[in-house]
Amino acid sequence: RLPLPIPVPVRVGRPGAGYPWPWSIVAHRPGASALRTPPDDPMEAAATMGRFVAALARPAPPDAPHNPFRGIPLADRDDRTRAWIDQLSGLIDAPSVTSCWAEHEAIPRWTGEAVWLHGDLHPNNVIVDGGRITGIIDFGDLTAGDPATDLGVAWTLLAPEARPVLREALDVDDDTWARGRGWALSLGLAYLAHSADDPDFGRCGRATIDAVLADA
């Protein structure tokens, strides 16, 4: 059982009638995304996210949903990540980002059991109400694989002083924590590269890149 509310479908549907994707209707949750309304207490936020990620990251069965973009070795994201660096070369310190990415991409890959992953734990999918984290949404990238994938939230959401609180809650080894930072860098680049219609998301991407560079 997860320690935070998540969307529970009340209706589901199949593609059709001009809409090409599966769809669902879920109950509304009060609050706003952490991207636009950050939690009041960074330490409490880190502890809350630590409990959630730890509860979710249980061994997954062989038939868990497959996602070719999440839960995979960082090396498998190399081409896409370098393409984003090239695309953003006028907006970021491309040489520093390239060097940082190369260091993280070379970290030994995960060889343990595949665990359940949210797959997209950025601030826009974290709900805050009354200054506290009260829910997690958007499980469209749900999959199984390297637990480092969801650790990227340490750099996309949390202040530097709060990251040790998250790590302590998860009790992960150095390589897994470092791969989480690599995931944050790759995803931060993706957020910035795809933010033309969402300036807030672009700022999230840039802040994530800066956070990783400052911490690496």
N, C-alpha and C. Protein backbone atom coordinates (compact mmCIF):
# COMPACT_ATOMS: atom_id res chain seq x y z
N ARG A 1 0.85 -1.19 0.00
CA ARG A 1 0.00 0.00 0.00
C ARG A 1 0.88 1.24 0.00
N LEU A 2 0.54 2.22 -0.82
CA LEU A 2 1.34 3.43 -0.93
C LEU A 2 0.93 4.47 0.11
N PRO A 3 1.89 5.25 0.61
CA PRO A 3 1.59 6.21 1.67
C PRO A 3 0.98 7.52 1.20
N LEU A 4 0.84 7.71 -0.11
CA LEU A 4 0.20 8.90 -0.66
C LEU A 4 -0.92 8.49 -1.61
N PRO A 5 -1.99 9.26 -1.67
CA PRO A 5 -3.06 8.96 -2.63
C PRO A 5 -2.54 9.03 -4.07
N ILE A 6 -3.05 8.14 -4.90
CA ILE A 6 -2.74 8.13 -6.33
C ILE A 6 -4.06 8.05 -7.10
N PRO A 7 -4.05 8.36 -8.39
CA PRO A 7 -5.31 8.31 -9.15
C PRO A 7 -5.86 6.88 -9.23
N VAL A 8 -7.13 6.75 -8.98
CA VAL A 8 -7.83 5.47 -9.11
C VAL A 8 -8.91 5.64 -10.18
N PRO A 9 -8.80 4.94 -11.29
CA PRO A 9 -9.78 5.14 -12.37
C PRO A 9 -11.20 4.77 -11.94
N VAL A 10 -12.15 5.62 -12.31
CA VAL A 10 -13.55 5.29 -12.11
C VAL A 10 -14.20 4.91 -13.44
N ARG A 11 -13.56 5.29 -14.54
CA ARG A 11 -13.97 4.87 -15.88
C ARG A 11 -12.72 4.72 -16.73
N VAL A 12 -12.71 3.72 -17.59
CA VAL A 12 -11.62 3.54 -18.55
C VAL A 12 -12.22 3.33 -19.93
N GLY A 13 -11.46 3.70 -20.94
CA GLY A 13 -11.95 3.55 -22.30
C GLY A 13 -10.84 3.19 -23.26
N ARG A 14 -11.23 2.75 -24.42
CA ARG A 14 -10.29 2.36 -25.46
C ARG A 14 -10.25 3.42 -26.56
N PRO A 15 -9.20 3.41 -27.38
CA PRO A 15 -9.15 4.36 -28.50
C PRO A 15 -10.37 4.20 -29.41
N GLY A 16 -10.84 5.32 -29.92
CA GLY A 16 -11.97 5.27 -30.83
C GLY A 16 -12.63 6.62 -30.98
N ALA A 17 -13.54 6.73 -31.92
CA ALA A 17 -14.32 7.96 -32.14
C ALA A 17 -13.42 9.18 -32.31
N GLY A 18 -12.31 9.00 -33.02
CA GLY A 18 -11.41 10.11 -33.28
C GLY A 18 -10.37 10.36 -32.22
N TYR A 19 -10.40 9.59 -31.12
CA TYR A 19 -9.39 9.74 -30.06
C TYR A 19 -8.52 8.49 -30.08
N PRO A 20 -7.21 8.62 -30.37
CA PRO A 20 -6.40 7.44 -30.68
C PRO A 20 -5.73 6.75 -29.51
N TRP A 21 -6.02 7.16 -28.27
CA TRP A 21 -5.32 6.58 -27.13
C TRP A 21 -6.31 6.01 -26.10
N PRO A 22 -5.85 5.06 -25.29
CA PRO A 22 -6.66 4.66 -24.14
C PRO A 22 -6.87 5.86 -23.21
N TRP A 23 -7.98 5.87 -22.48
CA TRP A 23 -8.25 7.00 -21.61
C TRP A 23 -8.87 6.52 -20.30
N SER A 24 -8.85 7.40 -19.31
CA SER A 24 -9.47 7.09 -18.03
C SER A 24 -10.00 8.36 -17.39
N ILE A 25 -10.94 8.19 -16.49
CA ILE A 25 -11.46 9.28 -15.67
C ILE A 25 -11.15 8.92 -14.22
N VAL A 26 -10.55 9.86 -13.50
CA VAL A 26 -10.20 9.62 -12.11
C VAL A 26 -10.79 10.73 -11.25
N ALA A 27 -10.89 10.47 -9.97
CA ALA A 27 -11.43 11.46 -9.04
C ALA A 27 -10.49 12.67 -8.94
N HIS A 28 -11.07 13.85 -8.85
CA HIS A 28 -10.29 15.08 -8.69
C HIS A 28 -9.68 15.14 -7.30
N ARG A 29 -8.43 15.63 -7.22
CA ARG A 29 -7.79 15.86 -5.94
C ARG A 29 -7.55 17.36 -5.78
N PRO A 30 -7.84 17.92 -4.62
CA PRO A 30 -7.57 19.34 -4.40
C PRO A 30 -6.08 19.60 -4.34
N GLY A 31 -5.70 20.84 -4.61
CA GLY A 31 -4.31 21.22 -4.53
C GLY A 31 -3.78 21.68 -5.87
N ALA A 32 -2.48 21.88 -5.94
CA ALA A 32 -1.81 22.31 -7.16
C ALA A 32 -0.51 21.54 -7.29
N SER A 33 0.08 21.58 -8.48
CA SER A 33 1.33 20.85 -8.67
C SER A 33 2.46 21.54 -7.92
N ALA A 34 3.44 20.73 -7.51
CA ALA A 34 4.61 21.28 -6.82
C ALA A 34 5.44 22.16 -7.74
N LEU A 35 5.24 22.03 -9.04
CA LEU A 35 5.94 22.89 -9.99
C LEU A 35 5.54 24.35 -9.80
N ARG A 36 4.27 24.56 -9.47
CA ARG A 36 3.74 25.92 -9.33
C ARG A 36 3.52 26.33 -7.88
N THR A 37 3.36 25.34 -7.00
CA THR A 37 3.17 25.62 -5.58
C THR A 37 4.06 24.68 -4.78
N PRO A 38 5.33 25.02 -4.59
CA PRO A 38 6.24 24.12 -3.89
C PRO A 38 5.81 23.88 -2.45
N PRO A 39 6.15 22.73 -1.89
CA PRO A 39 5.84 22.47 -0.49
C PRO A 39 6.56 23.45 0.43
N ASP A 40 5.96 23.70 1.59
CA ASP A 40 6.50 24.70 2.51
C ASP A 40 7.80 24.23 3.18
N ASP A 41 7.84 22.96 3.57
CA ASP A 41 8.96 22.45 4.38
C ASP A 41 9.78 21.47 3.54
N PRO A 42 10.98 21.84 3.10
CA PRO A 42 11.77 20.96 2.24
C PRO A 42 12.10 19.62 2.90
N MET A 43 12.37 19.62 4.19
CA MET A 43 12.72 18.38 4.87
C MET A 43 11.52 17.43 4.95
N GLU A 44 10.37 17.99 5.27
CA GLU A 44 9.16 17.17 5.30
C GLU A 44 8.85 16.63 3.91
N ALA A 45 9.04 17.46 2.89
CA ALA A 45 8.79 17.01 1.52
C ALA A 45 9.71 15.85 1.16
N ALA A 46 10.97 15.95 1.54
CA ALA A 46 11.93 14.88 1.24
C ALA A 46 11.55 13.59 1.95
N ALA A 47 11.14 13.70 3.20
CA ALA A 47 10.74 12.51 3.95
C ALA A 47 9.49 11.88 3.33
N THR A 48 8.55 12.72 2.92
CA THR A 48 7.32 12.22 2.29
C THR A 48 7.63 11.50 0.99
N MET A 49 8.46 12.11 0.15
CA MET A 49 8.83 11.47 -1.12
C MET A 49 9.63 10.20 -0.87
N GLY A 50 10.47 10.20 0.15
CA GLY A 50 11.23 9.00 0.48
C GLY A 50 10.33 7.84 0.84
N ARG A 51 9.30 8.10 1.63
CA ARG A 51 8.37 7.03 2.00
C ARG A 51 7.63 6.52 0.77
N PHE A 52 7.24 7.43 -0.11
CA PHE A 52 6.50 7.02 -1.29
C PHE A 52 7.36 6.17 -2.22
N VAL A 53 8.55 6.66 -2.53
CA VAL A 53 9.42 5.93 -3.46
C VAL A 53 9.81 4.57 -2.87
N ALA A 54 10.10 4.53 -1.58
CA ALA A 54 10.47 3.27 -0.94
C ALA A 54 9.32 2.26 -0.99
N ALA A 55 8.11 2.74 -0.77
CA ALA A 55 6.95 1.84 -0.79
C ALA A 55 6.66 1.32 -2.18
N LEU A 56 6.90 2.16 -3.19
CA LEU A 56 6.62 1.75 -4.57
C LEU A 56 7.68 0.80 -5.11
N ALA A 57 8.93 1.00 -4.72
CA ALA A 57 10.06 0.28 -5.33
C ALA A 57 10.18 -1.14 -4.80
N ARG A 58 9.15 -1.92 -5.02
CA ARG A 58 9.15 -3.34 -4.66
C ARG A 58 9.43 -4.17 -5.91
N PRO A 59 9.97 -5.38 -5.74
CA PRO A 59 10.23 -6.22 -6.92
C PRO A 59 8.97 -6.39 -7.76
N ALA A 60 9.13 -6.20 -9.06
CA ALA A 60 8.00 -6.27 -9.99
C ALA A 60 7.97 -7.62 -10.69
N PRO A 61 6.79 -8.09 -11.08
CA PRO A 61 6.69 -9.37 -11.78
C PRO A 61 7.19 -9.25 -13.22
N PRO A 62 7.45 -10.38 -13.86
CA PRO A 62 7.95 -10.34 -15.24
C PRO A 62 6.99 -9.66 -16.22
N ASP A 63 5.70 -9.67 -15.91
CA ASP A 63 4.73 -9.08 -16.84
C ASP A 63 4.41 -7.62 -16.51
N ALA A 64 5.26 -6.96 -15.73
CA ALA A 64 5.07 -5.53 -15.46
C ALA A 64 5.12 -4.76 -16.77
N PRO A 65 4.41 -3.63 -16.87
CA PRO A 65 4.41 -2.87 -18.13
C PRO A 65 5.82 -2.52 -18.58
N HIS A 66 6.06 -2.64 -19.86
CA HIS A 66 7.37 -2.30 -20.43
C HIS A 66 7.37 -0.85 -20.90
N ASN A 67 8.44 -0.15 -20.60
CA ASN A 67 8.60 1.23 -21.06
C ASN A 67 10.02 1.36 -21.62
N PRO A 68 10.16 1.60 -22.91
CA PRO A 68 11.50 1.65 -23.51
C PRO A 68 12.30 2.89 -23.13
N PHE A 69 11.68 3.82 -22.38
CA PHE A 69 12.35 5.08 -22.05
C PHE A 69 12.60 5.26 -20.56
N ARG A 70 12.12 4.37 -19.72
CA ARG A 70 12.28 4.49 -18.27
C ARG A 70 12.75 3.15 -17.71
N GLY A 71 13.49 3.22 -16.60
CA GLY A 71 13.95 2.01 -15.95
C GLY A 71 15.10 1.32 -16.65
N ILE A 72 15.60 1.92 -17.70
CA ILE A 72 16.63 1.32 -18.54
C ILE A 72 18.02 1.80 -18.11
N PRO A 73 19.08 1.16 -18.59
CA PRO A 73 20.42 1.68 -18.30
C PRO A 73 20.60 3.09 -18.87
N LEU A 74 21.35 3.92 -18.17
CA LEU A 74 21.60 5.26 -18.68
C LEU A 74 22.25 5.23 -20.06
N ALA A 75 23.07 4.22 -20.31
CA ALA A 75 23.72 4.12 -21.62
C ALA A 75 22.70 4.04 -22.75
N ASP A 76 21.53 3.48 -22.46
CA ASP A 76 20.49 3.37 -23.48
C ASP A 76 19.80 4.70 -23.76
N ARG A 77 20.07 5.71 -22.94
CA ARG A 77 19.54 7.06 -23.17
C ARG A 77 20.61 7.99 -23.74
N ASP A 78 21.76 7.45 -24.06
CA ASP A 78 22.88 8.30 -24.46
C ASP A 78 22.58 9.10 -25.73
N ASP A 79 22.08 8.46 -26.76
CA ASP A 79 21.83 9.17 -28.02
C ASP A 79 20.83 10.29 -27.84
N ARG A 80 19.72 10.00 -27.14
CA ARG A 80 18.69 11.01 -26.95
C ARG A 80 19.22 12.16 -26.09
N THR A 81 19.96 11.82 -25.05
CA THR A 81 20.46 12.86 -24.15
C THR A 81 21.44 13.77 -24.87
N ARG A 82 22.34 13.21 -25.64
CA ARG A 82 23.30 14.03 -26.38
C ARG A 82 22.60 14.87 -27.45
N ALA A 83 21.53 14.34 -28.02
CA ALA A 83 20.77 15.13 -28.99
C ALA A 83 20.13 16.34 -28.33
N TRP A 84 19.62 16.16 -27.10
CA TRP A 84 19.05 17.31 -26.38
C TRP A 84 20.13 18.33 -26.04
N ILE A 85 21.31 17.85 -25.67
CA ILE A 85 22.41 18.78 -25.38
C ILE A 85 22.72 19.62 -26.62
N ASP A 86 22.79 18.97 -27.77
CA ASP A 86 23.05 19.71 -29.01
C ASP A 86 21.93 20.71 -29.29
N GLN A 87 20.69 20.27 -29.09
CA GLN A 87 19.54 21.14 -29.36
C GLN A 87 19.56 22.37 -28.47
N LEU A 88 20.03 22.21 -27.24
CA LEU A 88 19.97 23.28 -26.24
C LEU A 88 21.30 24.01 -26.08
N SER A 89 22.21 23.82 -27.01
CA SER A 89 23.57 24.35 -26.83
C SER A 89 23.60 25.86 -26.67
N GLY A 90 22.60 26.56 -27.18
CA GLY A 90 22.55 28.00 -27.01
C GLY A 90 21.97 28.44 -25.68
N LEU A 91 21.43 27.49 -24.91
CA LEU A 91 20.76 27.83 -23.65
C LEU A 91 21.50 27.30 -22.42
N ILE A 92 22.37 26.32 -22.62
CA ILE A 92 23.05 25.68 -21.49
C ILE A 92 24.55 25.70 -21.73
N ASP A 93 25.29 25.37 -20.68
CA ASP A 93 26.74 25.20 -20.80
C ASP A 93 26.99 23.80 -21.35
N ALA A 94 26.93 23.67 -22.66
CA ALA A 94 26.96 22.35 -23.29
C ALA A 94 28.22 21.55 -22.95
N PRO A 95 29.41 22.13 -22.95
CA PRO A 95 30.59 21.32 -22.59
C PRO A 95 30.51 20.74 -21.17
N SER A 96 30.06 21.56 -20.21
CA SER A 96 29.95 21.06 -18.84
C SER A 96 28.88 19.99 -18.72
N VAL A 97 27.76 20.20 -19.39
CA VAL A 97 26.68 19.20 -19.35
C VAL A 97 27.13 17.91 -20.03
N THR A 98 27.82 18.02 -21.14
CA THR A 98 28.30 16.83 -21.84
C THR A 98 29.26 16.04 -20.97
N SER A 99 30.18 16.73 -20.31
CA SER A 99 31.13 16.06 -19.43
C SER A 99 30.42 15.39 -18.26
N CYS A 100 29.47 16.10 -17.68
CA CYS A 100 28.71 15.56 -16.55
C CYS A 100 27.93 14.32 -16.98
N TRP A 101 27.29 14.40 -18.13
CA TRP A 101 26.53 13.25 -18.63
C TRP A 101 27.44 12.06 -18.87
N ALA A 102 28.60 12.28 -19.47
CA ALA A 102 29.53 11.19 -19.75
C ALA A 102 29.94 10.47 -18.47
N GLU A 103 30.16 11.23 -17.40
CA GLU A 103 30.53 10.62 -16.13
C GLU A 103 29.41 9.75 -15.58
N HIS A 104 28.18 10.23 -15.69
CA HIS A 104 27.06 9.47 -15.15
C HIS A 104 26.69 8.28 -16.03
N GLU A 105 26.79 8.46 -17.32
CA GLU A 105 26.45 7.37 -18.24
C GLU A 105 27.38 6.18 -18.06
N ALA A 106 28.60 6.43 -17.54
CA ALA A 106 29.59 5.38 -17.36
C ALA A 106 29.46 4.65 -16.02
N ILE A 107 28.57 5.08 -15.15
CA ILE A 107 28.38 4.42 -13.86
C ILE A 107 27.87 3.00 -14.10
N PRO A 108 28.37 2.01 -13.34
CA PRO A 108 27.89 0.64 -13.53
C PRO A 108 26.37 0.55 -13.47
N ARG A 109 25.82 -0.24 -14.37
CA ARG A 109 24.37 -0.34 -14.47
C ARG A 109 23.79 -1.19 -13.35
N TRP A 110 22.50 -1.09 -13.17
CA TRP A 110 21.76 -1.85 -12.16
C TRP A 110 21.74 -3.32 -12.56
N THR A 111 22.09 -4.20 -11.62
CA THR A 111 22.07 -5.64 -11.88
C THR A 111 21.13 -6.37 -10.93
N GLY A 112 20.41 -5.62 -10.11
CA GLY A 112 19.48 -6.24 -9.18
C GLY A 112 18.12 -6.50 -9.83
N GLU A 113 17.16 -6.83 -8.97
CA GLU A 113 15.80 -7.09 -9.47
C GLU A 113 15.18 -5.81 -10.03
N ALA A 114 14.35 -5.98 -11.04
CA ALA A 114 13.56 -4.85 -11.54
C ALA A 114 12.50 -4.51 -10.50
N VAL A 115 12.38 -3.23 -10.17
CA VAL A 115 11.39 -2.79 -9.18
C VAL A 115 10.37 -1.89 -9.85
N TRP A 116 9.22 -1.77 -9.19
CA TRP A 116 8.17 -0.88 -9.71
C TRP A 116 8.66 0.57 -9.71
N LEU A 117 8.32 1.29 -10.77
CA LEU A 117 8.72 2.68 -10.92
C LEU A 117 7.54 3.53 -11.37
N HIS A 118 7.42 4.72 -10.80
CA HIS A 118 6.46 5.69 -11.34
C HIS A 118 6.90 6.11 -12.73
N GLY A 119 8.18 6.41 -12.87
CA GLY A 119 8.75 6.70 -14.18
C GLY A 119 8.75 8.17 -14.58
N ASP A 120 8.01 9.01 -13.87
CA ASP A 120 7.91 10.41 -14.29
C ASP A 120 7.68 11.31 -13.07
N LEU A 121 8.54 11.16 -12.07
CA LEU A 121 8.34 11.88 -10.81
C LEU A 121 8.91 13.29 -10.86
N HIS A 122 8.41 14.10 -11.75
CA HIS A 122 8.80 15.50 -11.76
C HIS A 122 7.78 16.32 -10.97
N PRO A 123 8.09 17.58 -10.64
CA PRO A 123 7.22 18.37 -9.77
C PRO A 123 5.79 18.55 -10.27
N ASN A 124 5.59 18.49 -11.58
CA ASN A 124 4.23 18.67 -12.10
C ASN A 124 3.33 17.48 -11.78
N ASN A 125 3.92 16.37 -11.36
CA ASN A 125 3.14 15.18 -11.01
C ASN A 125 3.07 14.97 -9.51
N VAL A 126 3.51 15.95 -8.76
CA VAL A 126 3.44 15.92 -7.29
C VAL A 126 2.43 16.97 -6.86
N ILE A 127 1.41 16.55 -6.12
CA ILE A 127 0.34 17.46 -5.71
C ILE A 127 0.62 18.00 -4.31
N VAL A 128 0.47 19.31 -4.18
CA VAL A 128 0.67 20.00 -2.90
C VAL A 128 -0.62 20.70 -2.51
N ASP A 129 -1.02 20.51 -1.27
CA ASP A 129 -2.21 21.18 -0.74
C ASP A 129 -1.91 21.60 0.69
N GLY A 130 -2.19 22.85 1.01
CA GLY A 130 -1.89 23.33 2.35
C GLY A 130 -0.41 23.30 2.67
N GLY A 131 0.43 23.43 1.66
CA GLY A 131 1.87 23.45 1.87
C GLY A 131 2.54 22.10 2.00
N ARG A 132 1.75 21.01 1.89
CA ARG A 132 2.30 19.67 2.07
C ARG A 132 2.02 18.81 0.84
N ILE A 133 2.89 17.85 0.59
CA ILE A 133 2.66 16.90 -0.50
C ILE A 133 1.52 15.98 -0.12
N THR A 134 0.50 15.93 -0.97
CA THR A 134 -0.71 15.17 -0.63
C THR A 134 -1.09 14.13 -1.68
N GLY A 135 -0.33 14.01 -2.75
CA GLY A 135 -0.68 13.02 -3.75
C GLY A 135 0.33 12.98 -4.88
N ILE A 136 0.30 11.88 -5.63
CA ILE A 136 1.14 11.69 -6.81
C ILE A 136 0.21 11.30 -7.96
N ILE A 137 0.40 11.94 -9.12
CA ILE A 137 -0.47 11.67 -10.27
C ILE A 137 0.36 11.22 -11.48
N ASP A 138 -0.35 10.91 -12.55
CA ASP A 138 0.21 10.59 -13.87
C ASP A 138 1.13 9.38 -13.83
N PHE A 139 0.52 8.21 -13.85
CA PHE A 139 1.27 6.96 -13.88
C PHE A 139 1.38 6.41 -15.30
N GLY A 140 1.37 7.31 -16.28
CA GLY A 140 1.44 6.87 -17.67
C GLY A 140 2.76 6.25 -18.06
N ASP A 141 3.81 6.50 -17.28
CA ASP A 141 5.12 5.90 -17.55
C ASP A 141 5.42 4.75 -16.61
N LEU A 142 4.43 4.26 -15.89
CA LEU A 142 4.62 3.16 -14.94
C LEU A 142 5.34 2.00 -15.61
N THR A 143 6.38 1.50 -14.94
CA THR A 143 7.15 0.40 -15.50
C THR A 143 7.96 -0.23 -14.38
N ALA A 144 8.88 -1.10 -14.74
CA ALA A 144 9.79 -1.73 -13.79
C ALA A 144 11.21 -1.64 -14.32
N GLY A 145 12.18 -1.58 -13.41
CA GLY A 145 13.56 -1.51 -13.84
C GLY A 145 14.45 -0.96 -12.76
N ASP A 146 15.43 -0.16 -13.17
CA ASP A 146 16.43 0.41 -12.27
C ASP A 146 15.78 1.40 -11.31
N PRO A 147 15.91 1.17 -9.99
CA PRO A 147 15.28 2.09 -9.03
C PRO A 147 15.82 3.51 -9.12
N ALA A 148 16.98 3.69 -9.73
CA ALA A 148 17.54 5.04 -9.85
C ALA A 148 16.64 5.97 -10.64
N THR A 149 15.81 5.43 -11.50
CA THR A 149 14.94 6.26 -12.34
C THR A 149 14.13 7.25 -11.50
N ASP A 150 13.49 6.74 -10.46
CA ASP A 150 12.65 7.61 -9.63
C ASP A 150 13.44 8.47 -8.66
N LEU A 151 14.73 8.18 -8.50
CA LEU A 151 15.55 9.01 -7.60
C LEU A 151 15.85 10.37 -8.19
N GLY A 152 15.62 10.53 -9.48
CA GLY A 152 15.81 11.84 -10.09
C GLY A 152 15.02 12.93 -9.41
N VAL A 153 13.95 12.56 -8.70
CA VAL A 153 13.14 13.55 -7.99
C VAL A 153 13.96 14.32 -6.96
N ALA A 154 15.06 13.75 -6.51
CA ALA A 154 15.91 14.46 -5.55
C ALA A 154 16.45 15.76 -6.12
N TRP A 155 16.63 15.80 -7.45
CA TRP A 155 17.17 17.01 -8.09
C TRP A 155 16.11 17.80 -8.84
N THR A 156 15.02 17.16 -9.20
CA THR A 156 13.96 17.90 -9.89
C THR A 156 13.05 18.64 -8.92
N LEU A 157 12.97 18.16 -7.67
CA LEU A 157 12.01 18.71 -6.72
C LEU A 157 12.65 19.27 -5.45
N LEU A 158 13.68 18.61 -4.94
CA LEU A 158 14.14 18.89 -3.59
C LEU A 158 15.30 19.88 -3.54
N ALA A 159 15.34 20.65 -2.46
CA ALA A 159 16.46 21.54 -2.19
C ALA A 159 17.69 20.72 -1.81
N PRO A 160 18.90 21.25 -2.03
CA PRO A 160 20.11 20.47 -1.74
C PRO A 160 20.16 19.93 -0.32
N GLU A 161 19.76 20.74 0.64
CA GLU A 161 19.86 20.30 2.03
C GLU A 161 18.86 19.20 2.37
N ALA A 162 17.85 19.01 1.53
CA ALA A 162 16.83 17.99 1.80
C ALA A 162 17.14 16.65 1.15
N ARG A 163 18.05 16.63 0.19
CA ARG A 163 18.32 15.38 -0.53
C ARG A 163 18.82 14.26 0.38
N PRO A 164 19.68 14.54 1.38
CA PRO A 164 20.10 13.45 2.27
C PRO A 164 18.94 12.80 3.01
N VAL A 165 17.88 13.54 3.27
CA VAL A 165 16.71 12.97 3.94
C VAL A 165 16.06 11.92 3.04
N LEU A 166 15.94 12.23 1.76
CA LEU A 166 15.40 11.26 0.81
C LEU A 166 16.29 10.04 0.72
N ARG A 167 17.58 10.26 0.61
CA ARG A 167 18.50 9.13 0.47
C ARG A 167 18.45 8.23 1.69
N GLU A 168 18.40 8.81 2.87
CA GLU A 168 18.35 8.01 4.09
C GLU A 168 17.09 7.15 4.13
N ALA A 169 15.99 7.69 3.65
CA ALA A 169 14.74 6.93 3.63
C ALA A 169 14.81 5.74 2.69
N LEU A 170 15.65 5.84 1.66
CA LEU A 170 15.71 4.79 0.64
C LEU A 170 16.87 3.83 0.85
N ASP A 171 17.91 4.25 1.56
CA ASP A 171 19.05 3.39 1.86
C ASP A 171 19.63 2.77 0.59
N VAL A 172 19.99 3.61 -0.38
CA VAL A 172 20.54 3.11 -1.64
C VAL A 172 22.06 3.25 -1.66
N ASP A 173 22.70 2.43 -2.49
CA ASP A 173 24.16 2.48 -2.59
C ASP A 173 24.61 3.68 -3.42
N ASP A 174 25.91 3.93 -3.40
CA ASP A 174 26.45 5.12 -4.06
C ASP A 174 26.17 5.13 -5.56
N ASP A 175 26.32 3.97 -6.22
CA ASP A 175 26.10 3.93 -7.67
C ASP A 175 24.65 4.22 -8.02
N THR A 176 23.72 3.68 -7.24
CA THR A 176 22.31 3.91 -7.52
C THR A 176 21.96 5.39 -7.33
N TRP A 177 22.47 5.98 -6.26
CA TRP A 177 22.23 7.41 -6.03
C TRP A 177 22.81 8.24 -7.17
N ALA A 178 24.02 7.90 -7.60
CA ALA A 178 24.65 8.65 -8.69
C ALA A 178 23.88 8.46 -10.00
N ARG A 179 23.39 7.25 -10.26
CA ARG A 179 22.57 7.06 -11.46
C ARG A 179 21.30 7.88 -11.39
N GLY A 180 20.75 8.03 -10.19
CA GLY A 180 19.58 8.89 -10.03
C GLY A 180 19.88 10.31 -10.45
N ARG A 181 21.07 10.78 -10.11
CA ARG A 181 21.48 12.12 -10.54
C ARG A 181 21.61 12.17 -12.06
N GLY A 182 22.12 11.09 -12.66
CA GLY A 182 22.20 11.01 -14.11
C GLY A 182 20.82 11.03 -14.76
N TRP A 183 19.87 10.33 -14.15
CA TRP A 183 18.50 10.37 -14.65
C TRP A 183 17.95 11.80 -14.58
N ALA A 184 18.23 12.48 -13.48
CA ALA A 184 17.74 13.86 -13.35
C ALA A 184 18.31 14.74 -14.45
N LEU A 185 19.58 14.56 -14.78
CA LEU A 185 20.18 15.36 -15.83
C LEU A 185 19.53 15.08 -17.18
N SER A 186 19.38 13.81 -17.51
CA SER A 186 18.76 13.46 -18.80
C SER A 186 17.33 13.97 -18.88
N LEU A 187 16.58 13.80 -17.81
CA LEU A 187 15.18 14.25 -17.82
C LEU A 187 15.09 15.77 -17.79
N GLY A 188 15.98 16.43 -17.06
CA GLY A 188 15.98 17.89 -17.07
C GLY A 188 16.21 18.44 -18.46
N LEU A 189 17.10 17.82 -19.21
CA LEU A 189 17.32 18.22 -20.60
C LEU A 189 16.06 18.00 -21.43
N ALA A 190 15.40 16.87 -21.20
CA ALA A 190 14.16 16.59 -21.94
C ALA A 190 13.09 17.63 -21.62
N TYR A 191 12.96 17.99 -20.34
CA TYR A 191 11.95 18.98 -19.96
C TYR A 191 12.22 20.31 -20.66
N LEU A 192 13.47 20.74 -20.65
CA LEU A 192 13.81 22.02 -21.26
C LEU A 192 13.63 21.97 -22.77
N ALA A 193 13.98 20.84 -23.37
CA ALA A 193 13.89 20.71 -24.83
C ALA A 193 12.45 20.69 -25.32
N HIS A 194 11.51 20.31 -24.45
CA HIS A 194 10.12 20.18 -24.86
C HIS A 194 9.21 21.15 -24.11
N SER A 195 9.71 22.35 -23.85
CA SER A 195 8.96 23.29 -23.02
C SER A 195 8.48 24.52 -23.78
N ALA A 196 8.43 24.45 -25.10
CA ALA A 196 8.06 25.63 -25.88
C ALA A 196 6.69 26.17 -25.48
N ASP A 197 5.76 25.28 -25.12
CA ASP A 197 4.41 25.71 -24.77
C ASP A 197 4.18 25.73 -23.26
N ASP A 198 5.24 25.56 -22.46
CA ASP A 198 5.10 25.52 -21.01
C ASP A 198 6.35 26.11 -20.35
N PRO A 199 6.40 27.44 -20.21
CA PRO A 199 7.59 28.07 -19.64
C PRO A 199 7.94 27.57 -18.24
N ASP A 200 6.93 27.25 -17.43
CA ASP A 200 7.21 26.75 -16.09
C ASP A 200 7.98 25.43 -16.16
N PHE A 201 7.60 24.57 -17.10
CA PHE A 201 8.29 23.30 -17.26
C PHE A 201 9.72 23.53 -17.74
N GLY A 202 9.90 24.53 -18.59
CA GLY A 202 11.24 24.89 -19.03
C GLY A 202 12.11 25.34 -17.87
N ARG A 203 11.54 26.13 -16.98
CA ARG A 203 12.30 26.57 -15.81
C ARG A 203 12.64 25.39 -14.91
N CYS A 204 11.73 24.43 -14.82
CA CYS A 204 12.01 23.21 -14.05
C CYS A 204 13.19 22.46 -14.66
N GLY A 205 13.18 22.35 -15.99
CA GLY A 205 14.28 21.66 -16.66
C GLY A 205 15.61 22.35 -16.42
N ARG A 206 15.62 23.67 -16.56
CA ARG A 206 16.86 24.41 -16.36
C ARG A 206 17.33 24.29 -14.91
N ALA A 207 16.41 24.41 -13.96
CA ALA A 207 16.78 24.30 -12.55
C ALA A 207 17.33 22.92 -12.23
N THR A 208 16.76 21.89 -12.86
CA THR A 208 17.24 20.53 -12.64
C THR A 208 18.66 20.37 -13.17
N ILE A 209 18.91 20.86 -14.37
CA ILE A 209 20.26 20.79 -14.94
C ILE A 209 21.25 21.50 -14.03
N ASP A 210 20.89 22.69 -13.58
CA ASP A 210 21.78 23.46 -12.69
C ASP A 210 22.02 22.72 -11.38
N ALA A 211 20.97 22.09 -10.85
CA ALA A 211 21.10 21.36 -9.59
C ALA A 211 22.07 20.19 -9.73
N VAL A 212 21.97 19.48 -10.84
CA VAL A 212 22.87 18.35 -11.07
C VAL A 212 24.31 18.82 -11.22
N LEU A 213 24.53 19.86 -12.02
CA LEU A 213 25.88 20.36 -12.22
C LEU A 213 26.50 20.83 -10.91
N ALA A 214 25.69 21.45 -10.06
CA ALA A 214 26.19 21.95 -8.78
C ALA A 214 26.52 20.82 -7.81
N ASP A 215 25.88 19.67 -8.00
CA ASP A 215 26.01 18.56 -7.05
C ASP A 215 26.98 17.49 -7.53
N ALA A 216 27.31 17.51 -8.80
CA ALA A 216 28.13 16.42 -9.36
C ALA A 216 29.59 16.54 -8.92
